Amino acid sequence: MLFRIADETGVVLLPGKGFAVQHPSARASLTNLNEYQYAAIGLSLRKLAQEYYDEYKAKNK
């Protein structure tokens, strides 16, 4: 999933495991960006999350 996000949005996330998180997660550094860039990142991640959720729902009907 992290590679897909990077390929499709240009947003690079790191596995949360490297930050001593026990559950599946990802970390992003959001420093030194303009406000519109934060909004674009949020929209991209939300779109991908919705696609994964829709796929999950379709498989588990």
C-alpha atoms as a PDB file:
ATOM      1  CA  MET A   1       0.000   0.000   0.000  1.00  0.00           C
ATOM      2  CA  LEU A   2       2.819   2.418   0.809  1.00  0.00           C
ATOM      3  CA  PHE A   3       4.358   1.930  -2.635  1.00  0.00           C
ATOM      4  CA  ARG A   4       1.000   2.508  -4.347  1.00  0.00           C
ATOM      5  CA  ILE A   5       0.527   5.754  -2.438  1.00  0.00           C
ATOM      6  CA  ALA A   6       4.007   6.908  -3.449  1.00  0.00           C
ATOM      7  CA  ASP A   7       3.501   5.941  -7.097  1.00  0.00           C
ATOM      8  CA  GLU A   8       0.059   7.496  -7.475  1.00  0.00           C
ATOM      9  CA  THR A   9       0.324  10.581  -5.289  1.00  0.00           C
ATOM     10  CA  GLY A  10       3.993  11.351  -4.732  1.00  0.00           C
ATOM     11  CA  VAL A  11       3.370  11.075  -0.984  1.00  0.00           C
ATOM     12  CA  VAL A  12       6.041   8.974   0.732  1.00  0.00           C
ATOM     13  CA  LEU A  13       4.981   7.279   3.946  1.00  0.00           C
ATOM     14  CA  LEU A  14       7.068   5.141   6.264  1.00  0.00           C
ATOM     15  CA  PRO A  15       5.846   2.038   8.051  1.00  0.00           C
ATOM     16  CA  GLY A  16       4.808   2.888  11.612  1.00  0.00           C
ATOM     17  CA  LYS A  17       6.754  -0.167  12.780  1.00  0.00           C
ATOM     18  CA  GLY A  18       9.922   1.925  12.699  1.00  0.00           C
ATOM     19  CA  PHE A  19       8.369   4.176  15.330  1.00  0.00           C
ATOM     20  CA  ALA A  20       7.548   1.392  17.833  1.00  0.00           C
ATOM     21  CA  VAL A  21       3.880   1.195  16.820  1.00  0.00           C
ATOM     22  CA  GLN A  22       2.357  -2.243  17.404  1.00  0.00           C
ATOM     23  CA  HIS A  23      -0.587  -2.106  14.966  1.00  0.00           C
ATOM     24  CA  PRO A  24      -0.470  -1.538  11.196  1.00  0.00           C
ATOM     25  CA  SER A  25       0.177   2.141  10.560  1.00  0.00           C
ATOM     26  CA  ALA A  26       2.120   4.613   8.477  1.00  0.00           C
ATOM     27  CA  ARG A  27       3.960   7.809   9.339  1.00  0.00           C
ATOM     28  CA  ALA A  28       4.362  10.967   7.292  1.00  0.00           C
ATOM     29  CA  SER A  29       6.550  13.987   7.852  1.00  0.00           C
ATOM     30  CA  LEU A  30       4.434  17.047   7.187  1.00  0.00           C
ATOM     31  CA  THR A  31       6.928  19.823   7.783  1.00  0.00           C
ATOM     32  CA  ASN A  32       7.768  22.767   5.571  1.00  0.00           C
ATOM     33  CA  LEU A  33       4.840  22.431   3.181  1.00  0.00           C
ATOM     34  CA  ASN A  34       2.364  24.994   1.956  1.00  0.00           C
ATOM     35  CA  GLU A  35      -1.260  24.768   3.078  1.00  0.00           C
ATOM     36  CA  TYR A  36      -2.460  23.609  -0.352  1.00  0.00           C
ATOM     37  CA  GLN A  37       0.061  20.757  -0.274  1.00  0.00           C
ATOM     38  CA  TYR A  38      -1.355  19.470   3.031  1.00  0.00           C
ATOM     39  CA  ALA A  39      -4.841  19.539   1.497  1.00  0.00           C
ATOM     40  CA  ALA A  40      -3.646  17.663  -1.605  1.00  0.00           C
ATOM     41  CA  ILE A  41      -1.976  14.986   0.521  1.00  0.00           C
ATOM     42  CA  GLY A  42      -5.116  14.549   2.604  1.00  0.00           C
ATOM     43  CA  LEU A  43      -7.349  14.258  -0.456  1.00  0.00           C
ATOM     44  CA  SER A  44      -5.035  11.729  -2.099  1.00  0.00           C
ATOM     45  CA  LEU A  45      -4.826   9.554   0.989  1.00  0.00           C
ATOM     46  CA  ARG A  46      -8.568   9.731   1.570  1.00  0.00           C
ATOM     47  CA  LYS A  47      -9.246   8.695  -2.051  1.00  0.00           C
ATOM     48  CA  LEU A  48      -6.961   5.666  -1.760  1.00  0.00           C
ATOM     49  CA  ALA A  49      -8.452   4.686   1.605  1.00  0.00           C
ATOM     50  CA  GLN A  50     -11.956   4.871   0.102  1.00  0.00           C
ATOM     51  CA  GLU A  51     -10.887   2.658  -2.809  1.00  0.00           C
ATOM     52  CA  TYR A  52      -9.481   0.045  -0.426  1.00  0.00           C
ATOM     53  CA  TYR A  53     -12.626   0.187   1.707  1.00  0.00           C
ATOM     54  CA  ASP A  54     -14.905  -0.175  -1.318  1.00  0.00           C
ATOM     55  CA  GLU A  55     -12.852  -3.165  -2.491  1.00  0.00           C
ATOM     56  CA  TYR A  56     -13.104  -4.729   0.971  1.00  0.00           C
ATOM     57  CA  LYS A  57     -16.878  -4.226   1.089  1.00  0.00           C
ATOM     58  CA  ALA A  58     -17.303  -5.771  -2.366  1.00  0.00           C
ATOM     59  CA  LYS A  59     -15.351  -8.882  -1.358  1.00  0.00           C
ATOM     60  CA  ASN A  60     -17.134  -9.315   1.979  1.00  0.00           C
ATOM     61  CA  LYS A  61     -20.795  -9.037   1.033  1.00  0.00           C
END
